[in-house]
PDB file of N, CA and C in Angstrom:
ATOM      1  N   MET A   1      31.264 -58.247 -25.979  1.00  0.00           N
ATOM      2  CA  MET A   1      31.931 -56.544 -25.638  1.00  0.00           C
ATOM      3  C   MET A   1      32.046 -56.543 -24.189  1.00  0.00           C
ATOM      4  N   LEU A   2      32.842 -56.051 -23.878  1.00  0.00           N
ATOM      5  CA  LEU A   2      33.178 -55.350 -22.548  1.00  0.00           C
ATOM      6  C   LEU A   2      32.849 -54.110 -22.637  1.00  0.00           C
ATOM      7  N   HIS A   3      33.046 -54.063 -20.846  1.00  0.00           N
ATOM      8  CA  HIS A   3      32.124 -52.520 -20.537  1.00  0.00           C
ATOM      9  C   HIS A   3      33.046 -51.466 -19.947  1.00  0.00           C
ATOM     10  N   ALA A   4      32.796 -51.060 -18.870  1.00  0.00           N
ATOM     11  CA  ALA A   4      33.790 -49.870 -18.372  1.00  0.00           C
ATOM     12  C   ALA A   4      34.950 -50.561 -17.980  1.00  0.00           C
ATOM     13  N   GLY A   5      36.219 -50.043 -18.348  1.00  0.00           N
ATOM     14  CA  GLY A   5      37.766 -50.486 -18.038  1.00  0.00           C
ATOM     15  C   GLY A   5      37.878 -51.662 -18.662  1.00  0.00           C
ATOM     16  N   ASP A   6      36.852 -52.140 -19.701  1.00  0.00           N
ATOM     17  CA  ASP A   6      37.803 -53.501 -20.458  1.00  0.00           C
ATOM     18  C   ASP A   6      37.728 -54.881 -19.497  1.00  0.00           C
ATOM     19  N   GLN A   7      37.335 -54.531 -18.307  1.00  0.00           N
ATOM     20  CA  GLN A   7      37.407 -55.843 -17.376  1.00  0.00           C
ATOM     21  C   GLN A   7      36.363 -56.513 -17.580  1.00  0.00           C
ATOM     22  N   PRO A   8      36.631 -58.058 -17.787  1.00  0.00           N
ATOM     23  CA  PRO A   8      35.432 -58.849 -18.030  1.00  0.00           C
ATOM     24  C   PRO A   8      33.997 -59.143 -16.829  1.00  0.00           C
ATOM     25  N   PRO A   9      33.029 -58.998 -16.652  1.00  0.00           N
ATOM     26  CA  PRO A   9      32.467 -59.287 -15.620  1.00  0.00           C
ATOM     27  C   PRO A   9      32.611 -60.239 -14.637  1.00  0.00           C
ATOM     28  N   GLN A  10      32.289 -60.102 -13.242  1.00  0.00           N
ATOM     29  CA  GLN A  10      32.417 -61.084 -12.424  1.00  0.00           C
ATOM     30  C   GLN A  10      30.941 -61.934 -12.637  1.00  0.00           C
ATOM     31  N   ARG A  11      30.919 -63.224 -12.592  1.00  0.00           N
ATOM     32  CA  ARG A  11      29.538 -63.950 -12.744  1.00  0.00           C
ATOM     33  C   ARG A  11      29.356 -64.586 -11.519  1.00  0.00           C
ATOM     34  N   VAL A  12      27.860 -64.350 -11.195  1.00  0.00           N
ATOM     35  CA  VAL A  12      27.514 -65.100 -10.109  1.00  0.00           C
ATOM     36  C   VAL A  12      26.274 -66.112 -10.322  1.00  0.00           C
ATOM     37  N   ASP A  13      26.565 -67.517 -10.444  1.00  0.00           N
ATOM     38  CA  ASP A  13      25.737 -68.549 -10.864  1.00  0.00           C
ATOM     39  C   ASP A  13      24.649 -68.443  -9.968  1.00  0.00           C
ATOM     40  N   LEU A  14      22.981 -68.836 -10.271  1.00  0.00           N
ATOM     41  CA  LEU A  14      22.243 -68.672  -9.363  1.00  0.00           C
ATOM     42  C   LEU A  14      21.731 -70.093  -9.209  1.00  0.00           C
ATOM     43  N   PRO A  15      21.104 -70.821  -8.581  1.00  0.00           N
ATOM     44  CA  PRO A  15      20.793 -72.413  -8.661  1.00  0.00           C
ATOM     45  C   PRO A  15      20.374 -72.646  -9.644  1.00  0.00           C
ATOM     46  N   SER A  16      20.198 -73.616 -10.198  1.00  0.00           N
ATOM     47  CA  SER A  16      19.383 -74.197 -11.149  1.00  0.00           C
ATOM     48  C   SER A  16      17.808 -74.754 -10.978  1.00  0.00           C
ATOM     49  N   GLN A  17      17.676 -75.141  -9.755  1.00  0.00           N
ATOM     50  CA  GLN A  17      16.470 -75.473  -9.493  1.00  0.00           C
ATOM     51  C   GLN A  17      15.138 -73.990  -9.070  1.00  0.00           C
ATOM     52  N   TRP A  18      14.250 -74.301 -10.136  1.00  0.00           N
ATOM     53  CA  TRP A  18      13.435 -73.160 -10.114  1.00  0.00           C
ATOM     54  C   TRP A  18      11.994 -73.694  -9.710  1.00  0.00           C
ATOM     55  N   PRO A  19      11.688 -73.126  -8.246  1.00  0.00           N
ATOM     56  CA  PRO A  19      10.255 -73.451  -8.051  1.00  0.00           C
ATOM     57  C   PRO A  19       9.223 -73.017  -9.037  1.00  0.00           C
ATOM     58  N   VAL A  20       8.421 -73.437  -9.275  1.00  0.00           N
ATOM     59  CA  VAL A  20       7.381 -73.290 -10.310  1.00  0.00           C
ATOM     60  C   VAL A  20       5.881 -72.586  -9.117  1.00  0.00           C
ATOM     61  N   VAL A  21       5.535 -71.666  -9.142  1.00  0.00           N
ATOM     62  CA  VAL A  21       4.373 -71.094  -8.951  1.00  0.00           C
ATOM     63  C   VAL A  21       3.097 -71.178  -9.516  1.00  0.00           C
ATOM     64  N   ALA A  22       2.282 -72.648  -8.666  1.00  0.00           N
ATOM     65  CA  ALA A  22       0.931 -72.691  -9.442  1.00  0.00           C
ATOM     66  C   ALA A  22       0.279 -71.737  -9.438  1.00  0.00           C
ATOM     67  N   ALA A  23      -0.434 -71.663 -10.946  1.00  0.00           N
ATOM     68  CA  ALA A  23      -1.298 -70.852 -10.844  1.00  0.00           C
ATOM     69  C   ALA A  23      -2.972 -71.339 -11.647  1.00  0.00           C
ATOM     70  N   LEU A  24      -4.068 -70.754 -11.264  1.00  0.00           N
ATOM     71  CA  LEU A  24      -4.715 -71.303 -11.941  1.00  0.00           C
ATOM     72  C   LEU A  24      -4.924 -71.208 -13.367  1.00  0.00           C
ATOM     73  N   SER A  25      -4.314 -70.397 -14.108  1.00  0.00           N
ATOM     74  CA  SER A  25      -4.581 -70.096 -15.326  1.00  0.00           C
ATOM     75  C   SER A  25      -2.902 -69.682 -15.688  1.00  0.00           C
ATOM     76  N   GLU A  26      -2.587 -69.854 -17.150  1.00  0.00           N
ATOM     77  CA  GLU A  26      -1.715 -69.574 -17.470  1.00  0.00           C
ATOM     78  C   GLU A  26      -1.330 -68.137 -17.362  1.00  0.00           C
ATOM     79  N   PRO A  27      -0.329 -67.583 -17.722  1.00  0.00           N
ATOM     80  CA  PRO A  27       1.192 -68.219 -17.623  1.00  0.00           C
ATOM     81  C   PRO A  27       1.467 -68.564 -16.355  1.00  0.00           C
ATOM     82  N   ARG A  28       2.520 -69.937 -16.001  1.00  0.00           N
ATOM     83  CA  ARG A  28       2.825 -70.705 -14.767  1.00  0.00           C
ATOM     84  C   ARG A  28       3.895 -69.546 -14.587  1.00  0.00           C
ATOM     85  N   ARG A  29       4.545 -69.352 -13.219  1.00  0.00           N
ATOM     86  CA  ARG A  29       5.657 -68.528 -13.433  1.00  0.00           C
ATOM     87  C   ARG A  29       6.648 -69.478 -12.468  1.00  0.00           C
ATOM     88  N   LEU A  30       7.705 -69.200 -12.905  1.00  0.00           N
ATOM     89  CA  LEU A  30       9.106 -69.784 -12.149  1.00  0.00           C
ATOM     90  C   LEU A  30       9.830 -68.363 -11.266  1.00  0.00           C
ATOM     91  N   THR A  31      10.023 -68.659 -10.146  1.00  0.00           N
ATOM     92  CA  THR A  31      10.511 -67.816  -9.254  1.00  0.00           C
ATOM     93  C   THR A  31      12.062 -68.412  -8.645  1.00  0.00           C
ATOM     94  N   ARG A  32      12.621 -67.375  -8.349  1.00  0.00           N
ATOM     95  CA  ARG A  32      14.352 -67.707  -7.663  1.00  0.00           C
ATOM     96  C   ARG A  32      14.475 -66.384  -6.579  1.00  0.00           C
ATOM     97  N   HIS A  33      14.610 -66.947  -5.415  1.00  0.00           N
ATOM     98  CA  HIS A  33      15.069 -65.694  -4.682  1.00  0.00           C
ATOM     99  C   HIS A  33      16.766 -65.640  -4.639  1.00  0.00           C
ATOM    100  N   PHE A  34      17.412 -64.252  -4.400  1.00  0.00           N
ATOM    101  CA  PHE A  34      18.747 -64.177  -4.319  1.00  0.00           C
ATOM    102  C   PHE A  34      19.061 -63.190  -3.465  1.00  0.00           C
ATOM    103  N   ASN A  35      20.278 -62.985  -2.897  1.00  0.00           N
ATOM    104  CA  ASN A  35      20.893 -61.663  -2.044  1.00  0.00           C
ATOM    105  C   ASN A  35      21.315 -60.927  -2.899  1.00  0.00           C
ATOM    106  N   CYS A  36      21.076 -59.451  -2.620  1.00  0.00           N
ATOM    107  CA  CYS A  36      22.373 -58.502  -3.365  1.00  0.00           C
ATOM    108  C   CYS A  36      23.807 -59.200  -3.098  1.00  0.00           C
ATOM    109  N   PRO A  37      24.293 -59.102  -3.998  1.00  0.00           N
ATOM    110  CA  PRO A  37      25.847 -59.105  -4.800  1.00  0.00           C
ATOM    111  C   PRO A  37      26.533 -58.310  -3.340  1.00  0.00           C
ATOM    112  N   THR A  38      27.617 -58.710  -2.846  1.00  0.00           N
ATOM    113  CA  THR A  38      28.335 -57.890  -1.950  1.00  0.00           C
ATOM    114  C   THR A  38      29.416 -57.235  -2.558  1.00  0.00           C
ATOM    115  N   GLY A  39      29.978 -56.317  -2.021  1.00  0.00           N
ATOM    116  CA  GLY A  39      30.840 -55.354  -2.227  1.00  0.00           C
ATOM    117  C   GLY A  39      30.641 -54.690  -3.822  1.00  0.00           C
ATOM    118  N   LEU A  40      29.356 -54.101  -4.147  1.00  0.00           N
ATOM    119  CA  LEU A  40      28.694 -53.477  -5.083  1.00  0.00           C
ATOM    120  C   LEU A  40      29.551 -51.813  -4.861  1.00  0.00           C
ATOM    121  N   MET A  41      29.660 -51.451  -6.073  1.00  0.00           N
ATOM    122  CA  MET A  41      30.442 -50.002  -5.644  1.00  0.00           C
ATOM    123  C   MET A  41      28.896 -49.009  -6.146  1.00  0.00           C
ATOM    124  N   PRO A  42      28.773 -48.236  -6.017  1.00  0.00           N
ATOM    125  CA  PRO A  42      28.149 -47.075  -6.823  1.00  0.00           C
ATOM    126  C   PRO A  42      27.765 -47.012  -7.974  1.00  0.00           C
ATOM    127  N   ALA A  43      29.197 -46.979  -9.086  1.00  0.00           N
ATOM    128  CA  ALA A  43      29.361 -47.062  -9.928  1.00  0.00           C
ATOM    129  C   ALA A  43      29.132 -48.412 -11.009  1.00  0.00           C
ATOM    130  N   ASP A  44      28.967 -49.650 -10.258  1.00  0.00           N
ATOM    131  CA  ASP A  44      28.957 -50.992 -10.900  1.00  0.00           C
ATOM    132  C   ASP A  44      27.791 -50.932 -11.377  1.00  0.00           C
ATOM    133  N   ARG A  45      27.545 -51.999 -12.298  1.00  0.00           N
ATOM    134  CA  ARG A  45      26.180 -52.456 -12.727  1.00  0.00           C
ATOM    135  C   ARG A  45      26.191 -53.791 -13.073  1.00  0.00           C
ATOM    136  N   VAL A  46      24.796 -54.087 -12.739  1.00  0.00           N
ATOM    137  CA  VAL A  46      24.434 -55.824 -12.491  1.00  0.00           C
ATOM    138  C   VAL A  46      23.590 -56.176 -13.830  1.00  0.00           C
ATOM    139  N   GLU A  47      24.003 -57.225 -14.113  1.00  0.00           N
ATOM    140  CA  GLU A  47      22.578 -57.596 -15.718  1.00  0.00           C
ATOM    141  C   GLU A  47      22.327 -59.126 -14.791  1.00  0.00           C
ATOM    142  N   LEU A  48      20.932 -59.490 -15.490  1.00  0.00           N
ATOM    143  CA  LEU A  48      20.485 -60.649 -15.175  1.00  0.00           C
ATOM    144  C   LEU A  48      20.587 -61.343 -16.327  1.00  0.00           C
ATOM    145  N   VAL A  49      20.955 -62.362 -16.757  1.00  0.00           N
ATOM    146  CA  VAL A  49      21.490 -63.126 -17.694  1.00  0.00           C
ATOM    147  C   VAL A  49      20.448 -64.728 -17.800  1.00  0.00           C
ATOM    148  N   LEU A  50      19.473 -65.063 -18.735  1.00  0.00           N
ATOM    149  CA  LEU A  50      18.770 -66.107 -18.444  1.00  0.00           C
ATOM    150  C   LEU A  50      19.132 -66.866 -19.595  1.00  0.00           C
ATOM    151  N   ALA A  51      19.243 -68.141 -19.343  1.00  0.00           N
ATOM    152  CA  ALA A  51      19.640 -68.805 -20.891  1.00  0.00           C
ATOM    153  C   ALA A  51      18.781 -70.251 -20.748  1.00  0.00           C
ATOM    154  N   HIS A  52      18.404 -71.211 -22.020  1.00  0.00           N
ATOM    155  CA  HIS A  52      17.871 -72.253 -21.826  1.00  0.00           C
ATOM    156  C   HIS A  52      16.519 -72.353 -21.532  1.00  0.00           C
ATOM    157  N   PHE A  53      15.617 -71.382 -21.363  1.00  0.00           N
ATOM    158  CA  PHE A  53      14.432 -71.084 -20.300  1.00  0.00           C
ATOM    159  C   PHE A  53      13.403 -71.717 -21.833  1.00  0.00           C
ATOM    160  N   PRO A  54      12.198 -72.295 -21.282  1.00  0.00           N
ATOM    161  CA  PRO A  54      11.178 -72.640 -22.438  1.00  0.00           C
ATOM    162  C   PRO A  54      10.484 -71.150 -22.793  1.00  0.00           C
ATOM    163  N   PRO A  55       9.966 -70.889 -24.037  1.00  0.00           N
ATOM    164  CA  PRO A  55       9.588 -69.820 -24.441  1.00  0.00           C
ATOM    165  C   PRO A  55       9.093 -68.581 -23.291  1.00  0.00           C
ATOM    166  N   LEU A  56       9.694 -67.666 -23.091  1.00  0.00           N
ATOM    167  CA  LEU A  56       9.674 -66.418 -21.923  1.00  0.00           C
ATOM    168  C   LEU A  56       8.391 -65.900 -22.368  1.00  0.00           C
ATOM    169  N   GLY A  57       7.710 -65.328 -21.403  1.00  0.00           N
ATOM    170  CA  GLY A  57       6.803 -64.234 -21.144  1.00  0.00           C
ATOM    171  C   GLY A  57       7.334 -63.170 -20.753  1.00  0.00           C
ATOM    172  N   ASP A  58       6.492 -62.404 -19.586  1.00  0.00           N
ATOM    173  CA  ASP A  58       7.355 -61.615 -18.920  1.00  0.00           C
ATOM    174  C   ASP A  58       8.567 -61.437 -17.898  1.00  0.00           C
ATOM    175  N   VAL A  59       9.400 -61.211 -17.421  1.00  0.00           N
ATOM    176  CA  VAL A  59      10.334 -61.091 -16.953  1.00  0.00           C
ATOM    177  C   VAL A  59      10.324 -59.954 -15.732  1.00  0.00           C
ATOM    178  N   GLN A  60      10.211 -60.150 -14.266  1.00  0.00           N
ATOM    179  CA  GLN A  60      10.378 -59.558 -13.318  1.00  0.00           C
ATOM    180  C   GLN A  60      11.421 -59.597 -12.392  1.00  0.00           C
ATOM    181  N   VAL A  61      11.831 -58.724 -11.693  1.00  0.00           N
ATOM    182  CA  VAL A  61      12.534 -58.610 -10.153  1.00  0.00           C
ATOM    183  C   VAL A  61      12.206 -57.484  -9.453  1.00  0.00           C
ATOM    184  N   ASN A  62      11.784 -58.250  -8.342  1.00  0.00           N
ATOM    185  CA  ASN A  62      10.829 -57.504  -7.256  1.00  0.00           C
ATOM    186  C   ASN A  62       9.591 -56.819  -7.604  1.00  0.00           C
ATOM    187  N   ASP A  63       9.169 -57.564  -8.143  1.00  0.00           N
ATOM    188  CA  ASP A  63       7.861 -57.080  -9.034  1.00  0.00           C
ATOM    189  C   ASP A  63       7.766 -55.946  -9.934  1.00  0.00           C
ATOM    190  N   GLN A  64       9.177 -55.734 -10.595  1.00  0.00           N
ATOM    191  CA  GLN A  64       9.603 -54.549 -11.340  1.00  0.00           C
ATOM    192  C   GLN A  64       9.400 -55.454 -12.860  1.00  0.00           C
ATOM    193  N   PRO A  65       8.304 -54.894 -14.006  1.00  0.00           N
ATOM    194  CA  PRO A  65       8.678 -55.620 -15.001  1.00  0.00           C
ATOM    195  C   PRO A  65      10.182 -55.275 -16.249  1.00  0.00           C
ATOM    196  N   LEU A  66      10.561 -56.044 -16.093  1.00  0.00           N
ATOM    197  CA  LEU A  66      12.021 -55.977 -17.133  1.00  0.00           C
ATOM    198  C   LEU A  66      11.874 -55.998 -18.377  1.00  0.00           C
ATOM    199  N   GLY A  67      10.927 -56.756 -19.059  1.00  0.00           N
ATOM    200  CA  GLY A  67      10.600 -57.047 -20.448  1.00  0.00           C
ATOM    201  C   GLY A  67      10.083 -58.499 -20.488  1.00  0.00           C
ATOM    202  N   ARG A  68      10.466 -58.755 -22.012  1.00  0.00           N
ATOM    203  CA  ARG A  68      10.108 -60.203 -22.323  1.00  0.00           C
ATOM    204  C   ARG A  68      10.935 -60.737 -23.524  1.00  0.00           C
ATOM    205  N   SER A  69      10.904 -61.908 -23.122  1.00  0.00           N
ATOM    206  CA  SER A  69      12.202 -62.710 -24.078  1.00  0.00           C
ATOM    207  C   SER A  69      12.161 -62.485 -25.696  1.00  0.00           C
ATOM    208  N   PRO A  70      12.974 -62.044 -26.313  1.00  0.00           N
ATOM    209  CA  PRO A  70      12.734 -61.670 -27.828  1.00  0.00           C
ATOM    210  C   PRO A  70      12.405 -62.681 -28.729  1.00  0.00           C
ATOM    211  N   ALA A  71      12.721 -64.210 -28.479  1.00  0.00           N
ATOM    212  CA  ALA A  71      12.870 -64.900 -29.166  1.00  0.00           C
ATOM    213  C   ALA A  71      12.843 -66.032 -28.466  1.00  0.00           C
ATOM    214  N   VAL A  72      12.055 -67.432 -28.731  1.00  0.00           N
ATOM    215  CA  VAL A  72      12.231 -68.805 -28.395  1.00  0.00           C
ATOM    216  C   VAL A  72      13.893 -69.169 -28.213  1.00  0.00           C
ATOM    217  N   GLY A  73      14.207 -69.701 -26.937  1.00  0.00           N
ATOM    218  CA  GLY A  73      15.393 -69.927 -26.746  1.00  0.00           C
ATOM    219  C   GLY A  73      16.759 -68.887 -26.801  1.00  0.00           C
ATOM    220  N   ALA A  74      16.245 -67.760 -27.002  1.00  0.00           N
ATOM    221  CA  ALA A  74      17.249 -66.647 -26.882  1.00  0.00           C
ATOM    222  C   ALA A  74      17.959 -66.282 -25.637  1.00  0.00           C
ATOM    223  N   GLU A  75      19.172 -65.733 -25.316  1.00  0.00           N
ATOM    224  CA  GLU A  75      19.371 -65.500 -24.284  1.00  0.00           C
ATOM    225  C   GLU A  75      18.818 -64.096 -24.110  1.00  0.00           C
ATOM    226  N   PHE A  76      18.224 -63.802 -23.013  1.00  0.00           N
ATOM    227  CA  PHE A  76      17.659 -62.569 -22.281  1.00  0.00           C
ATOM    228  C   PHE A  76      18.451 -62.373 -21.252  1.00  0.00           C
ATOM    229  N   ARG A  77      18.948 -61.033 -21.134  1.00  0.00           N
ATOM    230  CA  ARG A  77      19.906 -60.195 -20.623  1.00  0.00           C
ATOM    231  C   ARG A  77      19.354 -58.738 -20.298  1.00  0.00           C
ATOM    232  N   VAL A  78      19.141 -58.147 -19.095  1.00  0.00           N
ATOM    233  CA  VAL A  78      18.660 -57.288 -18.764  1.00  0.00           C
ATOM    234  C   VAL A  78      19.280 -56.725 -17.576  1.00  0.00           C
ATOM    235  N   GLU A  79      19.635 -55.257 -17.580  1.00  0.00           N
ATOM    236  CA  GLU A  79      20.537 -54.555 -16.128  1.00  0.00           C
ATOM    237  C   GLU A  79      19.378 -54.195 -15.215  1.00  0.00           C
ATOM    238  N   ILE A  80      19.782 -54.999 -13.871  1.00  0.00           N
ATOM    239  CA  ILE A  80      18.902 -54.829 -12.762  1.00  0.00           C
ATOM    240  C   ILE A  80      18.935 -53.968 -11.743  1.00  0.00           C
ATOM    241  N   THR A  81      20.354 -53.426 -11.928  1.00  0.00           N
ATOM    242  CA  THR A  81      21.041 -52.515 -10.686  1.00  0.00           C
ATOM    243  C   THR A  81      19.816 -51.629  -9.912  1.00  0.00           C
ATOM    244  N   PRO A  82      19.007 -50.775 -10.769  1.00  0.00           N
ATOM    245  CA  PRO A  82      18.229 -50.147  -9.730  1.00  0.00           C
ATOM    246  C   PRO A  82      17.233 -50.852  -9.237  1.00  0.00           C
ATOM    247  N   HIS A  83      16.966 -52.075  -9.416  1.00  0.00           N
ATOM    248  CA  HIS A  83      15.949 -52.500  -8.886  1.00  0.00           C
ATOM    249  C   HIS A  83      16.211 -53.703  -7.566  1.00  0.00           C
ATOM    250  N   LEU A  84      17.703 -53.775  -7.156  1.00  0.00           N
ATOM    251  CA  LEU A  84      18.380 -54.668  -6.249  1.00  0.00           C
ATOM    252  C   LEU A  84      17.844 -53.907  -4.979  1.00  0.00           C
ATOM    253  N   GLN A  85      17.559 -55.294  -4.140  1.00  0.00           N
ATOM    254  CA  GLN A  85      17.462 -54.994  -2.606  1.00  0.00           C
ATOM    255  C   GLN A  85      18.214 -55.547  -1.914  1.00  0.00           C
ATOM    256  N   SER A  86      18.050 -55.490  -0.468  1.00  0.00           N
ATOM    257  CA  SER A  86      18.967 -56.698   0.247  1.00  0.00           C
ATOM    258  C   SER A  86      18.659 -58.526  -0.455  1.00  0.00           C
ATOM    259  N   ARG A  87      17.300 -58.507  -0.368  1.00  0.00           N
ATOM    260  CA  ARG A  87      16.965 -59.981  -0.913  1.00  0.00           C
ATOM    261  C   ARG A  87      15.803 -59.387  -2.159  1.00  0.00           C
ATOM    262  N   ASN A  88      16.143 -60.198  -3.197  1.00  0.00           N
ATOM    263  CA  ASN A  88      15.290 -60.532  -4.544  1.00  0.00           C
ATOM    264  C   ASN A  88      15.036 -61.254  -4.764  1.00  0.00           C
ATOM    265  N   LEU A  89      14.097 -61.348  -5.699  1.00  0.00           N
ATOM    266  CA  LEU A  89      12.806 -62.232  -6.206  1.00  0.00           C
ATOM    267  C   LEU A  89      12.679 -62.090  -8.040  1.00  0.00           C
ATOM    268  N   ILE A  90      13.318 -62.969  -8.401  1.00  0.00           N
ATOM    269  CA  ILE A  90      12.712 -63.058 -10.272  1.00  0.00           C
ATOM    270  C   ILE A  90      11.667 -63.801 -10.245  1.00  0.00           C
ATOM    271  N   SER A  91      11.284 -63.491 -11.281  1.00  0.00           N
ATOM    272  CA  SER A  91       9.730 -64.127 -11.637  1.00  0.00           C
ATOM    273  C   SER A  91       9.811 -64.045 -12.905  1.00  0.00           C
ATOM    274  N   VAL A  92       9.793 -65.173 -13.469  1.00  0.00           N
ATOM    275  CA  VAL A  92       9.619 -65.335 -15.276  1.00  0.00           C
ATOM    276  C   VAL A  92       8.298 -66.139 -15.641  1.00  0.00           C
ATOM    277  N   ALA A  93       7.441 -65.619 -16.406  1.00  0.00           N
ATOM    278  CA  ALA A  93       6.328 -66.090 -16.638  1.00  0.00           C
ATOM    279  C   ALA A  93       6.827 -67.056 -17.886  1.00  0.00           C
ATOM    280  N   LEU A  94       6.211 -68.316 -18.127  1.00  0.00           N
ATOM    281  CA  LEU A  94       6.235 -69.053 -18.990  1.00  0.00           C
ATOM    282  C   LEU A  94       5.340 -68.957 -20.261  1.00  0.00           C
ATOM    283  N   GLN A  95       5.319 -68.792 -21.183  1.00  0.00           N
ATOM    284  CA  GLN A  95       4.552 -68.834 -22.434  1.00  0.00           C
ATOM    285  C   GLN A  95       3.960 -70.236 -22.995  1.00  0.00           C
ATOM    286  N   ASP A  96       4.783 -71.439 -22.824  1.00  0.00           N
ATOM    287  CA  ASP A  96       4.379 -72.516 -22.767  1.00  0.00           C
ATOM    288  C   ASP A  96       5.232 -73.096 -21.966  1.00  0.00           C
ATOM    289  N   ALA A  97       4.539 -73.474 -20.686  1.00  0.00           N
ATOM    290  CA  ALA A  97       5.244 -74.453 -19.941  1.00  0.00           C
ATOM    291  C   ALA A  97       5.181 -75.898 -20.132  1.00  0.00           C
ATOM    292  N   SER A  98       4.942 -76.308 -21.329  1.00  0.00           N
ATOM    293  CA  SER A  98       5.050 -77.670 -21.523  1.00  0.00           C
ATOM    294  C   SER A  98       6.131 -78.158 -22.335  1.00  0.00           C
ATOM    295  N   ALA A  99       6.755 -76.642 -22.683  1.00  0.00           N
ATOM    296  CA  ALA A  99       7.963 -77.250 -23.635  1.00  0.00           C
ATOM    297  C   ALA A  99       9.371 -77.410 -22.694  1.00  0.00           C
ATOM    298  N   GLU A 100       9.612 -78.645 -23.511  1.00  0.00           N
ATOM    299  CA  GLU A 100      11.273 -79.435 -22.746  1.00  0.00           C
ATOM    300  C   GLU A 100      12.037 -78.867 -23.255  1.00  0.00           C
ATOM    301  N   SER A 101      13.328 -78.891 -22.562  1.00  0.00           N
ATOM    302  CA  SER A 101      14.608 -78.847 -23.012  1.00  0.00           C
ATOM    303  C   SER A 101      15.535 -79.722 -22.488  1.00  0.00           C
ATOM    304  N   ASP A 102      16.164 -80.458 -22.796  1.00  0.00           N
ATOM    305  CA  ASP A 102      17.507 -81.340 -22.335  1.00  0.00           C
ATOM    306  C   ASP A 102      18.480 -80.285 -21.487  1.00  0.00           C
ATOM    307  N   ILE A 103      18.631 -79.156 -21.924  1.00  0.00           N
ATOM    308  CA  ILE A 103      19.459 -78.412 -21.188  1.00  0.00           C
ATOM    309  C   ILE A 103      18.766 -77.514 -19.933  1.00  0.00           C
ATOM    310  N   PRO A 104      18.887 -77.842 -18.366  1.00  0.00           N
ATOM    311  CA  PRO A 104      18.253 -77.082 -17.653  1.00  0.00           C
ATOM    312  C   PRO A 104      18.011 -75.828 -17.504  1.00  0.00           C
ATOM    313  N   PRO A 105      17.017 -74.626 -17.648  1.00  0.00           N
ATOM    314  CA  PRO A 105      17.163 -73.076 -17.295  1.00  0.00           C
ATOM    315  C   PRO A 105      18.421 -72.936 -16.539  1.00  0.00           C
ATOM    316  N   GLN A 106      19.397 -71.863 -16.874  1.00  0.00           N
ATOM    317  CA  GLN A 106      20.028 -71.466 -15.886  1.00  0.00           C
ATOM    318  C   GLN A 106      19.784 -69.681 -16.130  1.00  0.00           C
ATOM    319  N   ALA A 107      20.535 -69.462 -14.655  1.00  0.00           N
ATOM    320  CA  ALA A 107      20.541 -68.017 -14.626  1.00  0.00           C
ATOM    321  C   ALA A 107      21.835 -67.241 -13.944  1.00  0.00           C
ATOM    322  N   HIS A 108      22.196 -66.224 -14.424  1.00  0.00           N
ATOM    323  CA  HIS A 108      23.380 -65.772 -13.453  1.00  0.00           C
ATOM    324  C   HIS A 108      23.515 -64.168 -13.508  1.00  0.00           C
ATOM    325  N   LEU A 109      24.060 -63.451 -12.394  1.00  0.00           N
ATOM    326  CA  LEU A 109      24.097 -62.204 -12.211  1.00  0.00           C
ATOM    327  C   LEU A 109      25.745 -61.954 -13.475  1.00  0.00           C
ATOM    328  N   GLU A 110      25.809 -60.826 -14.056  1.00  0.00           N
ATOM    329  CA  GLU A 110      27.057 -60.401 -14.562  1.00  0.00           C
ATOM    330  C   GLU A 110      27.059 -58.867 -13.743  1.00  0.00           C
ATOM    331  N   ILE A 111      28.381 -58.719 -12.926  1.00  0.00           N
ATOM    332  CA  ILE A 111      28.827 -57.514 -12.404  1.00  0.00           C
ATOM    333  C   ILE A 111      29.902 -56.913 -13.468  1.00  0.00           C
ATOM    334  N   PHE A 112      29.472 -55.835 -13.791  1.00  0.00           N
ATOM    335  CA  PHE A 112      30.529 -55.057 -14.491  1.00  0.00           C
ATOM    336  C   PHE A 112      30.950 -53.922 -13.290  1.00  0.00           C
ATOM    337  N   ALA A 113      32.238 -54.090 -13.535  1.00  0.00           N
ATOM    338  CA  ALA A 113      33.037 -52.670 -12.278  1.00  0.00           C
ATOM    339  C   ALA A 113      32.363 -51.250 -13.255  1.00  0.00           C
ATOM    340  N   GLY A 114      32.607 -50.387 -12.457  1.00  0.00           N
ATOM    341  CA  GLY A 114      31.971 -49.000 -13.273  1.00  0.00           C
ATOM    342  C   GLY A 114      33.406 -48.140 -13.291  1.00  0.00           C
TER     343      GLY A 114
END
């Protein structure tokens, strides 16, 4: 499904290495810093897309809760435009940190022109 103007979104891949924040209790959290995409126009929309993660708990950007993954292995997609700052932090809680996948977790941003 294409959005405004029927133009495909610009995709920005985030590095695949996700540091794990050690926790004294579950859930463990994966975190990733990223800079705000440059050249955004006021009407542009930015979505965060997570794929191939173990079962996810809550997902946050800059300490703002964005929801929970709907199903194991499902792609998680959410708009993050109102939460963007010059430097940003994605935080993902793992419901089952022992779950392994042959495919590394992937994250990217999709920018839809307004």
